[in-house]
Amino acid sequence: MSNVSDKIEKTKPLTIADVIMVGPRGVGKSSMLASISSQLKDTLDKLGYVSEVPDALTDKLKELKSLASSDSVIPPVDAQLLPSANETVYEIALRHSKETYVDLSCRFIDVPGGWYDPNDGNYSKVEEHLRGADVSFWCIDTVALIHNNGQYHDVLNKPDLLEKLYTSPKFALKENHTIVFTLIRSETWTKDKSNYDVDAIFKEFTRKYVDIITHIKNSHKNVNCYVCWVETVGSIKFIRFSPNGEQIQFAISSGKKFEPRNCDTPAVIAIH
């Protein structure tokens, strides 16, 4: 596997940003990061920059594209992206296309969702990563947020659990820490123009998270908060849950192509 760090020519002071992916098990953190790497490359090309992406993230992107091309309405278990079991650090280096040195290196820390439970033996590692991070992507399952008046929101997105993490008196976030609330699996509300209702997403987000944001801002100095939606796959419309609420069902929209949209937005906020 290639190591981005080995390709960095340290002929100029290097800016390093640590970004932690925050969210419960199965919310789609790893998948979103793969889509970010894909879309960010296109955005950087337009700005005259290039990115160096580790092989592990490229492999994850291939898995996601394979899922997008599935013929099943509900793909079999072996066709789904299973939740991460181990912590992974993906390093993406950015440099101007006319230069050899790297201007910025972003380390994306993907922590397994199960670690966010205070009873988990790795909880202290999450606290350590969050304490040292410049940016955190707080990932939210949009379907759980909105479906059936948010019936599964508390169970799947675990806002109370994450609020306790961010407002813990045990540590302080870095000054000017940036939190990007990232609404994943938003295709149902953003993809189909006949059902284009982005306002519904932000309305529900505001209703459920405004008090949490206020609590976080009161607990730390100079915390910046942003919210954005992303289409992790683009060609899949996530529409409903199974009766037990454990598995998201979805239907394939036209084309069966991998067409992520707006996934570069949280990354651009992070490196701004």
C-alpha atoms as a PDB file:
ATOM      1  CA  MET A   1       0.000   0.000   0.000  1.00  0.00           C
ATOM      2  CA  SER A   2       1.390   3.402  -0.908  1.00  0.00           C
ATOM      3  CA  ASN A   3       2.189   5.840   1.858  1.00  0.00           C
ATOM      4  CA  VAL A   4       1.364   9.459   1.092  1.00  0.00           C
ATOM      5  CA  SER A   5       3.883  10.650   3.687  1.00  0.00           C
ATOM      6  CA  ASP A   6       6.702   9.046   1.692  1.00  0.00           C
ATOM      7  CA  LYS A   7       5.832  11.246  -1.302  1.00  0.00           C
ATOM      8  CA  ILE A   8       5.930  14.552   0.572  1.00  0.00           C
ATOM      9  CA  GLU A   9       8.921  16.738  -0.262  1.00  0.00           C
ATOM     10  CA  LYS A  10       9.541  18.884   2.796  1.00  0.00           C
ATOM     11  CA  THR A  11      11.016  21.851   0.934  1.00  0.00           C
ATOM     12  CA  LYS A  12       8.397  24.169   2.449  1.00  0.00           C
ATOM     13  CA  PRO A  13       6.651  24.318   5.854  1.00  0.00           C
ATOM     14  CA  LEU A  14       3.815  21.810   5.753  1.00  0.00           C
ATOM     15  CA  THR A  15       0.383  22.475   7.177  1.00  0.00           C
ATOM     16  CA  ILE A  16      -1.185  19.389   8.721  1.00  0.00           C
ATOM     17  CA  ALA A  17      -4.873  19.195   9.600  1.00  0.00           C
ATOM     18  CA  ASP A  18      -6.368  16.371  11.643  1.00  0.00           C
ATOM     19  CA  VAL A  19      -9.994  15.554  10.869  1.00  0.00           C
ATOM     20  CA  ILE A  20     -11.903  13.005  12.962  1.00  0.00           C
ATOM     21  CA  MET A  21     -14.957  11.251  11.540  1.00  0.00           C
ATOM     22  CA  VAL A  22     -17.593  11.223  14.287  1.00  0.00           C
ATOM     23  CA  GLY A  23     -20.707   9.062  14.184  1.00  0.00           C
ATOM     24  CA  PRO A  24     -22.297   5.821  15.399  1.00  0.00           C
ATOM     25  CA  ARG A  25     -21.762   2.398  13.841  1.00  0.00           C
ATOM     26  CA  GLY A  26     -23.062   2.027  10.278  1.00  0.00           C
ATOM     27  CA  VAL A  27     -23.903   5.692   9.685  1.00  0.00           C
ATOM     28  CA  GLY A  28     -21.614   5.728   6.624  1.00  0.00           C
ATOM     29  CA  LYS A  29     -18.433   7.517   7.738  1.00  0.00           C
ATOM     30  CA  SER A  30     -16.018   5.411   5.685  1.00  0.00           C
ATOM     31  CA  SER A  31     -18.252   5.533   2.610  1.00  0.00           C
ATOM     32  CA  MET A  32     -18.519   9.304   2.819  1.00  0.00           C
ATOM     33  CA  LEU A  33     -14.761   9.651   3.070  1.00  0.00           C
ATOM     34  CA  ALA A  34     -14.332   7.548  -0.072  1.00  0.00           C
ATOM     35  CA  SER A  35     -16.800   9.795  -1.913  1.00  0.00           C
ATOM     36  CA  ILE A  36     -15.001  12.868  -0.573  1.00  0.00           C
ATOM     37  CA  SER A  37     -11.728  11.677  -2.085  1.00  0.00           C
ATOM     38  CA  SER A  38     -13.445  11.199  -5.448  1.00  0.00           C
ATOM     39  CA  GLN A  39     -15.180  14.559  -5.606  1.00  0.00           C
ATOM     40  CA  LEU A  40     -12.352  16.489  -3.985  1.00  0.00           C
ATOM     41  CA  LYS A  41     -10.038  15.420  -6.795  1.00  0.00           C
ATOM     42  CA  ASP A  42     -12.336  16.998  -9.384  1.00  0.00           C
ATOM     43  CA  THR A  43     -12.686  20.204  -7.351  1.00  0.00           C
ATOM     44  CA  LEU A  44      -8.923  20.501  -6.867  1.00  0.00           C
ATOM     45  CA  ASP A  45      -8.261  19.951 -10.565  1.00  0.00           C
ATOM     46  CA  LYS A  46     -10.320  23.059 -11.327  1.00  0.00           C
ATOM     47  CA  LEU A  47      -8.278  25.057  -8.805  1.00  0.00           C
ATOM     48  CA  GLY A  48      -4.943  23.888 -10.164  1.00  0.00           C
ATOM     49  CA  TYR A  49      -4.245  21.479  -7.318  1.00  0.00           C
ATOM     50  CA  VAL A  50      -3.748  17.736  -7.209  1.00  0.00           C
ATOM     51  CA  SER A  51      -4.271  15.287  -4.359  1.00  0.00           C
ATOM     52  CA  GLU A  52      -2.376  12.193  -3.299  1.00  0.00           C
ATOM     53  CA  VAL A  53      -4.821   9.552  -2.013  1.00  0.00           C
ATOM     54  CA  PRO A  54      -3.757   6.373  -0.182  1.00  0.00           C
ATOM     55  CA  ASP A  55      -4.454   3.019  -1.826  1.00  0.00           C
ATOM     56  CA  ALA A  56      -6.723   1.938   1.044  1.00  0.00           C
ATOM     57  CA  LEU A  57      -9.107   4.789   0.284  1.00  0.00           C
ATOM     58  CA  THR A  58      -9.017   3.994  -3.426  1.00  0.00           C
ATOM     59  CA  ASP A  59      -9.996   0.410  -2.579  1.00  0.00           C
ATOM     60  CA  LYS A  60     -12.884   1.676  -0.448  1.00  0.00           C
ATOM     61  CA  LEU A  61     -14.057   3.766  -3.384  1.00  0.00           C
ATOM     62  CA  LYS A  62     -14.104   0.665  -5.609  1.00  0.00           C
ATOM     63  CA  GLU A  63     -16.309  -1.096  -3.053  1.00  0.00           C
ATOM     64  CA  LEU A  64     -18.713   1.821  -3.028  1.00  0.00           C
ATOM     65  CA  LYS A  65     -18.931   1.881  -6.824  1.00  0.00           C
ATOM     66  CA  SER A  66     -19.657  -1.850  -6.784  1.00  0.00           C
ATOM     67  CA  LEU A  67     -22.506  -1.305  -4.347  1.00  0.00           C
ATOM     68  CA  ALA A  68     -23.947   1.424  -6.551  1.00  0.00           C
ATOM     69  CA  SER A  69     -24.107  -0.989  -9.512  1.00  0.00           C
ATOM     70  CA  SER A  70     -25.992  -3.685  -7.578  1.00  0.00           C
ATOM     71  CA  ASP A  71     -29.136  -5.053  -9.241  1.00  0.00           C
ATOM     72  CA  SER A  72     -30.863  -5.735  -5.937  1.00  0.00           C
ATOM     73  CA  VAL A  73     -33.353  -3.420  -4.312  1.00  0.00           C
ATOM     74  CA  ILE A  74     -31.878  -4.573  -1.014  1.00  0.00           C
ATOM     75  CA  PRO A  75     -28.332  -5.829  -1.718  1.00  0.00           C
ATOM     76  CA  PRO A  76     -27.316  -9.063   0.003  1.00  0.00           C
ATOM     77  CA  VAL A  77     -25.174  -8.746   3.111  1.00  0.00           C
ATOM     78  CA  ASP A  78     -21.951  -9.525   1.278  1.00  0.00           C
ATOM     79  CA  ALA A  79     -22.618  -6.656  -1.150  1.00  0.00           C
ATOM     80  CA  GLN A  80     -22.973  -4.043   1.589  1.00  0.00           C
ATOM     81  CA  LEU A  81     -20.147  -2.061   3.116  1.00  0.00           C
ATOM     82  CA  LEU A  82     -19.747  -3.478   6.610  1.00  0.00           C
ATOM     83  CA  PRO A  83     -18.950  -1.154   9.521  1.00  0.00           C
ATOM     84  CA  SER A  84     -15.270  -0.639  10.295  1.00  0.00           C
ATOM     85  CA  ALA A  85     -13.854  -2.734  13.130  1.00  0.00           C
ATOM     86  CA  ASN A  86     -10.548  -0.898  13.520  1.00  0.00           C
ATOM     87  CA  GLU A  87      -9.365   2.678  13.586  1.00  0.00           C
ATOM     88  CA  THR A  88      -7.949   3.840  10.248  1.00  0.00           C
ATOM     89  CA  VAL A  89      -6.056   7.007   9.359  1.00  0.00           C
ATOM     90  CA  TYR A  90      -6.273   8.139   5.741  1.00  0.00           C
ATOM     91  CA  GLU A  91      -3.804  10.828   4.711  1.00  0.00           C
ATOM     92  CA  ILE A  92      -4.628  13.019   1.710  1.00  0.00           C
ATOM     93  CA  ALA A  93      -1.879  15.398   0.583  1.00  0.00           C
ATOM     94  CA  LEU A  94      -2.633  18.498  -1.505  1.00  0.00           C
ATOM     95  CA  ARG A  95      -0.159  20.336  -3.700  1.00  0.00           C
ATOM     96  CA  HIS A  96      -0.298  22.817  -6.555  1.00  0.00           C
ATOM     97  CA  SER A  97      -0.023  21.108  -9.921  1.00  0.00           C
ATOM     98  CA  LYS A  98       3.018  23.241 -10.834  1.00  0.00           C
ATOM     99  CA  GLU A  99       4.914  22.432  -7.643  1.00  0.00           C
ATOM    100  CA  THR A 100       6.493  19.311  -6.169  1.00  0.00           C
ATOM    101  CA  TYR A 101       6.098  20.204  -2.506  1.00  0.00           C
ATOM    102  CA  VAL A 102       2.914  19.600  -0.538  1.00  0.00           C
ATOM    103  CA  ASP A 103       1.019  22.583   0.858  1.00  0.00           C
ATOM    104  CA  LEU A 104      -1.394  20.713   3.073  1.00  0.00           C
ATOM    105  CA  SER A 105      -1.738  17.210   4.431  1.00  0.00           C
ATOM    106  CA  CYS A 106      -5.124  16.184   5.834  1.00  0.00           C
ATOM    107  CA  ARG A 107      -5.255  13.196   8.148  1.00  0.00           C
ATOM    108  CA  PHE A 108      -8.768  11.769   8.254  1.00  0.00           C
ATOM    109  CA  ILE A 109      -9.221   9.613  11.345  1.00  0.00           C
ATOM    110  CA  ASP A 110     -11.982   7.054  10.857  1.00  0.00           C
ATOM    111  CA  VAL A 111     -12.945   5.654  14.262  1.00  0.00           C
ATOM    112  CA  PRO A 112     -15.319   2.653  14.529  1.00  0.00           C
ATOM    113  CA  GLY A 113     -18.791   3.730  15.582  1.00  0.00           C
ATOM    114  CA  GLY A 114     -18.890   1.276  18.459  1.00  0.00           C
ATOM    115  CA  TRP A 115     -16.079   3.161  20.190  1.00  0.00           C
ATOM    116  CA  TYR A 116     -18.378   6.126  20.876  1.00  0.00           C
ATOM    117  CA  ASP A 117     -20.129   4.172  23.608  1.00  0.00           C
ATOM    118  CA  PRO A 118     -18.669   5.292  26.981  1.00  0.00           C
ATOM    119  CA  ASN A 119     -18.739   1.653  28.064  1.00  0.00           C
ATOM    120  CA  ASP A 120     -16.463   0.623  25.190  1.00  0.00           C
ATOM    121  CA  GLY A 121     -12.841  -0.010  26.108  1.00  0.00           C
ATOM    122  CA  ASN A 122     -11.640   2.305  23.325  1.00  0.00           C
ATOM    123  CA  TYR A 123     -13.682   5.349  24.396  1.00  0.00           C
ATOM    124  CA  SER A 124     -10.586   7.105  25.771  1.00  0.00           C
ATOM    125  CA  LYS A 125      -8.988   6.865  22.315  1.00  0.00           C
ATOM    126  CA  VAL A 126     -11.959   8.726  20.831  1.00  0.00           C
ATOM    127  CA  GLU A 127     -11.564  11.460  23.464  1.00  0.00           C
ATOM    128  CA  GLU A 128      -7.857  11.717  22.668  1.00  0.00           C
ATOM    129  CA  HIS A 129      -8.468  12.036  18.923  1.00  0.00           C
ATOM    130  CA  LEU A 130     -11.211  14.617  19.380  1.00  0.00           C
ATOM    131  CA  ARG A 131      -9.036  16.645  21.755  1.00  0.00           C
ATOM    132  CA  GLY A 132      -6.270  16.866  19.154  1.00  0.00           C
ATOM    133  CA  ALA A 133      -8.418  17.336  16.038  1.00  0.00           C
ATOM    134  CA  ASP A 134      -8.691  20.593  14.119  1.00  0.00           C
ATOM    135  CA  VAL A 135     -11.950  19.535  12.467  1.00  0.00           C
ATOM    136  CA  SER A 136     -14.612  16.921  13.123  1.00  0.00           C
ATOM    137  CA  PHE A 137     -17.214  15.623  10.681  1.00  0.00           C
ATOM    138  CA  TRP A 138     -20.302  14.797  12.768  1.00  0.00           C
ATOM    139  CA  CYS A 139     -22.025  12.332  10.439  1.00  0.00           C
ATOM    140  CA  ILE A 140     -25.831  12.062  10.573  1.00  0.00           C
ATOM    141  CA  ASP A 141     -28.041   9.524   8.781  1.00  0.00           C
ATOM    142  CA  THR A 142     -30.587  11.733   7.005  1.00  0.00           C
ATOM    143  CA  VAL A 143     -33.137   8.951   6.584  1.00  0.00           C
ATOM    144  CA  ALA A 144     -33.110   8.276  10.321  1.00  0.00           C
ATOM    145  CA  LEU A 145     -33.347  12.013  10.958  1.00  0.00           C
ATOM    146  CA  ILE A 146     -36.520  12.454   8.900  1.00  0.00           C
ATOM    147  CA  HIS A 147     -38.223   9.089   8.247  1.00  0.00           C
ATOM    148  CA  ASN A 148     -41.525   8.699  10.093  1.00  0.00           C
ATOM    149  CA  ASN A 149     -40.912  11.873  12.111  1.00  0.00           C
ATOM    150  CA  GLY A 150     -37.468  10.689  13.144  1.00  0.00           C
ATOM    151  CA  GLN A 151     -38.662   7.443  14.702  1.00  0.00           C
ATOM    152  CA  TYR A 152     -35.186   5.878  14.482  1.00  0.00           C
ATOM    153  CA  HIS A 153     -33.136   9.056  14.917  1.00  0.00           C
ATOM    154  CA  ASP A 154     -32.207   8.596  18.571  1.00  0.00           C
ATOM    155  CA  VAL A 155     -31.470   4.895  18.102  1.00  0.00           C
ATOM    156  CA  LEU A 156     -29.295   5.171  14.997  1.00  0.00           C
ATOM    157  CA  ASN A 157     -27.784   8.688  15.131  1.00  0.00           C
ATOM    158  CA  LYS A 158     -27.311   8.677  18.928  1.00  0.00           C
ATOM    159  CA  PRO A 159     -27.264  12.478  19.326  1.00  0.00           C
ATOM    160  CA  ASP A 160     -27.326  12.343  23.146  1.00  0.00           C
ATOM    161  CA  LEU A 161     -24.286  10.063  23.238  1.00  0.00           C
ATOM    162  CA  LEU A 162     -22.271  12.322  20.974  1.00  0.00           C
ATOM    163  CA  GLU A 163     -23.401  15.479  22.762  1.00  0.00           C
ATOM    164  CA  LYS A 164     -21.970  14.054  26.005  1.00  0.00           C
ATOM    165  CA  LEU A 165     -18.689  13.365  24.237  1.00  0.00           C
ATOM    166  CA  TYR A 166     -18.358  16.903  22.893  1.00  0.00           C
ATOM    167  CA  THR A 167     -19.368  18.584  26.166  1.00  0.00           C
ATOM    168  CA  SER A 168     -17.352  16.380  28.507  1.00  0.00           C
ATOM    169  CA  PRO A 169     -15.612  18.438  31.217  1.00  0.00           C
ATOM    170  CA  LYS A 170     -12.644  16.066  30.964  1.00  0.00           C
ATOM    171  CA  PHE A 171     -11.066  17.896  28.024  1.00  0.00           C
ATOM    172  CA  ALA A 172     -11.293  21.007  25.865  1.00  0.00           C
ATOM    173  CA  LEU A 173     -11.536  21.092  22.108  1.00  0.00           C
ATOM    174  CA  LYS A 174      -8.851  23.010  20.272  1.00  0.00           C
ATOM    175  CA  GLU A 175      -9.632  26.695  20.014  1.00  0.00           C
ATOM    176  CA  ASN A 176     -11.368  27.364  16.677  1.00  0.00           C
ATOM    177  CA  HIS A 177     -12.207  23.685  16.311  1.00  0.00           C
ATOM    178  CA  THR A 178     -14.618  23.274  13.400  1.00  0.00           C
ATOM    179  CA  ILE A 179     -17.559  20.870  13.523  1.00  0.00           C
ATOM    180  CA  VAL A 180     -19.151  20.011  10.170  1.00  0.00           C
ATOM    181  CA  PHE A 181     -22.540  18.374  10.720  1.00  0.00           C
ATOM    182  CA  THR A 182     -22.734  16.195   7.623  1.00  0.00           C
ATOM    183  CA  LEU A 183     -26.114  14.859   6.531  1.00  0.00           C
ATOM    184  CA  ILE A 184     -25.401  11.543   4.805  1.00  0.00           C
ATOM    185  CA  ARG A 185     -27.804   9.556   2.576  1.00  0.00           C
ATOM    186  CA  SER A 186     -29.758  12.666   1.623  1.00  0.00           C
ATOM    187  CA  GLU A 187     -30.518  11.554  -1.952  1.00  0.00           C
ATOM    188  CA  THR A 188     -34.261  11.110  -1.371  1.00  0.00           C
ATOM    189  CA  TRP A 189     -34.593  14.820  -0.583  1.00  0.00           C
ATOM    190  CA  THR A 190     -31.954  16.288  -2.908  1.00  0.00           C
ATOM    191  CA  LYS A 191     -31.726  14.095  -6.002  1.00  0.00           C
ATOM    192  CA  ASP A 192     -35.223  14.091  -7.494  1.00  0.00           C
ATOM    193  CA  LYS A 193     -36.198  17.601  -8.597  1.00  0.00           C
ATOM    194  CA  SER A 194     -39.882  16.687  -8.332  1.00  0.00           C
ATOM    195  CA  ASN A 195     -39.207  15.961  -4.664  1.00  0.00           C
ATOM    196  CA  TYR A 196     -36.506  18.581  -4.114  1.00  0.00           C
ATOM    197  CA  ASP A 197     -36.925  19.449  -0.485  1.00  0.00           C
ATOM    198  CA  VAL A 198     -33.568  20.380   0.998  1.00  0.00           C
ATOM    199  CA  ASP A 199     -35.399  22.749   3.333  1.00  0.00           C
ATOM    200  CA  ALA A 200     -37.011  19.743   5.018  1.00  0.00           C
ATOM    201  CA  ILE A 201     -33.573  18.377   5.862  1.00  0.00           C
ATOM    202  CA  PHE A 202     -32.335  21.599   7.413  1.00  0.00           C
ATOM    203  CA  LYS A 203     -35.623  22.175   9.220  1.00  0.00           C
ATOM    204  CA  GLU A 204     -35.390  18.788  10.945  1.00  0.00           C
ATOM    205  CA  PHE A 205     -31.693  19.247  11.640  1.00  0.00           C
ATOM    206  CA  THR A 206     -32.343  22.621  13.278  1.00  0.00           C
ATOM    207  CA  ARG A 207     -35.189  21.241  15.352  1.00  0.00           C
ATOM    208  CA  LYS A 208     -33.122  18.339  16.673  1.00  0.00           C
ATOM    209  CA  TYR A 209     -29.651  19.881  16.942  1.00  0.00           C
ATOM    210  CA  VAL A 210     -29.950  23.579  17.814  1.00  0.00           C
ATOM    211  CA  ASP A 211     -29.863  22.890  21.555  1.00  0.00           C
ATOM    212  CA  ILE A 212     -26.924  20.521  21.117  1.00  0.00           C
ATOM    213  CA  ILE A 213     -24.953  23.157  19.204  1.00  0.00           C
ATOM    214  CA  THR A 214     -25.723  25.743  21.874  1.00  0.00           C
ATOM    215  CA  HIS A 215     -24.507  23.346  24.581  1.00  0.00           C
ATOM    216  CA  ILE A 216     -21.255  22.673  22.701  1.00  0.00           C
ATOM    217  CA  LYS A 217     -20.594  26.383  22.113  1.00  0.00           C
ATOM    218  CA  ASN A 218     -21.178  27.074  25.794  1.00  0.00           C
ATOM    219  CA  SER A 219     -18.723  24.310  26.709  1.00  0.00           C
ATOM    220  CA  HIS A 220     -15.785  25.382  24.510  1.00  0.00           C
ATOM    221  CA  LYS A 221     -14.166  28.561  23.226  1.00  0.00           C
ATOM    222  CA  ASN A 222     -14.565  29.640  19.621  1.00  0.00           C
ATOM    223  CA  VAL A 223     -16.093  26.499  18.149  1.00  0.00           C
ATOM    224  CA  ASN A 224     -17.222  26.882  14.531  1.00  0.00           C
ATOM    225  CA  CYS A 225     -20.266  24.901  13.368  1.00  0.00           C
ATOM    226  CA  TYR A 226     -21.402  24.215   9.808  1.00  0.00           C
ATOM    227  CA  VAL A 227     -24.041  21.937   8.321  1.00  0.00           C
ATOM    228  CA  CYS A 228     -24.212  20.452   4.824  1.00  0.00           C
ATOM    229  CA  TRP A 229     -25.890  17.568   2.997  1.00  0.00           C
ATOM    230  CA  VAL A 230     -24.057  15.026   0.852  1.00  0.00           C
ATOM    231  CA  GLU A 231     -25.060  12.405  -1.687  1.00  0.00           C
ATOM    232  CA  THR A 232     -22.599   9.643  -0.893  1.00  0.00           C
ATOM    233  CA  VAL A 233     -23.567   7.526  -3.905  1.00  0.00           C
ATOM    234  CA  GLY A 234     -25.962   9.735  -5.846  1.00  0.00           C
ATOM    235  CA  SER A 235     -27.670   7.017  -7.876  1.00  0.00           C
ATOM    236  CA  ILE A 236     -29.303   5.386  -4.848  1.00  0.00           C
ATOM    237  CA  LYS A 237     -32.349   6.849  -3.154  1.00  0.00           C
ATOM    238  CA  PHE A 238     -32.432   5.749   0.466  1.00  0.00           C
ATOM    239  CA  ILE A 239     -36.121   5.592   1.290  1.00  0.00           C
ATOM    240  CA  ARG A 240     -37.148   3.600   4.342  1.00  0.00           C
ATOM    241  CA  PHE A 241     -36.224   1.194   7.113  1.00  0.00           C
ATOM    242  CA  SER A 242     -37.013  -2.454   7.632  1.00  0.00           C
ATOM    243  CA  PRO A 243     -39.626  -3.079  10.349  1.00  0.00           C
ATOM    244  CA  ASN A 244     -36.982  -3.608  13.041  1.00  0.00           C
ATOM    245  CA  GLY A 245     -35.188  -0.421  12.075  1.00  0.00           C
ATOM    246  CA  GLU A 246     -31.805  -2.119  11.853  1.00  0.00           C
ATOM    247  CA  GLN A 247     -31.287  -2.116   8.100  1.00  0.00           C
ATOM    248  CA  ILE A 248     -31.852   0.696   5.650  1.00  0.00           C
ATOM    249  CA  GLN A 249     -33.725  -0.371   2.538  1.00  0.00           C
ATOM    250  CA  PHE A 250     -33.207   1.498  -0.671  1.00  0.00           C
ATOM    251  CA  ALA A 251     -34.189   1.570  -4.328  1.00  0.00           C
ATOM    252  CA  ILE A 252     -31.883   2.106  -7.275  1.00  0.00           C
ATOM    253  CA  SER A 253     -32.631   5.233  -9.290  1.00  0.00           C
ATOM    254  CA  SER A 254     -31.906   5.653 -12.996  1.00  0.00           C
ATOM    255  CA  GLY A 255     -28.513   4.836 -14.406  1.00  0.00           C
ATOM    256  CA  LYS A 256     -26.982   2.665 -11.667  1.00  0.00           C
ATOM    257  CA  LYS A 257     -23.949   4.932 -11.735  1.00  0.00           C
ATOM    258  CA  PHE A 258     -21.735   6.168  -8.948  1.00  0.00           C
ATOM    259  CA  GLU A 259     -22.624   9.872  -8.887  1.00  0.00           C
ATOM    260  CA  PRO A 260     -21.725  11.453  -5.518  1.00  0.00           C
ATOM    261  CA  ARG A 261     -22.711  15.075  -5.073  1.00  0.00           C
ATOM    262  CA  ASN A 262     -21.723  17.789  -2.625  1.00  0.00           C
ATOM    263  CA  CYS A 263     -19.264  15.430  -0.888  1.00  0.00           C
ATOM    264  CA  ASP A 264     -16.424  17.912  -1.443  1.00  0.00           C
ATOM    265  CA  THR A 265     -18.219  20.555   0.652  1.00  0.00           C
ATOM    266  CA  PRO A 266     -17.213  19.243   4.119  1.00  0.00           C
ATOM    267  CA  ALA A 267     -13.653  18.743   2.872  1.00  0.00           C
ATOM    268  CA  VAL A 268     -13.437  22.284   1.496  1.00  0.00           C
ATOM    269  CA  ILE A 269     -14.690  23.601   4.854  1.00  0.00           C
ATOM    270  CA  ALA A 270     -12.056  21.503   6.619  1.00  0.00           C
ATOM    271  CA  ILE A 271      -9.113  22.790   4.550  1.00  0.00           C
ATOM    272  CA  HIS A 272     -10.315  26.377   4.252  1.00  0.00           C
END
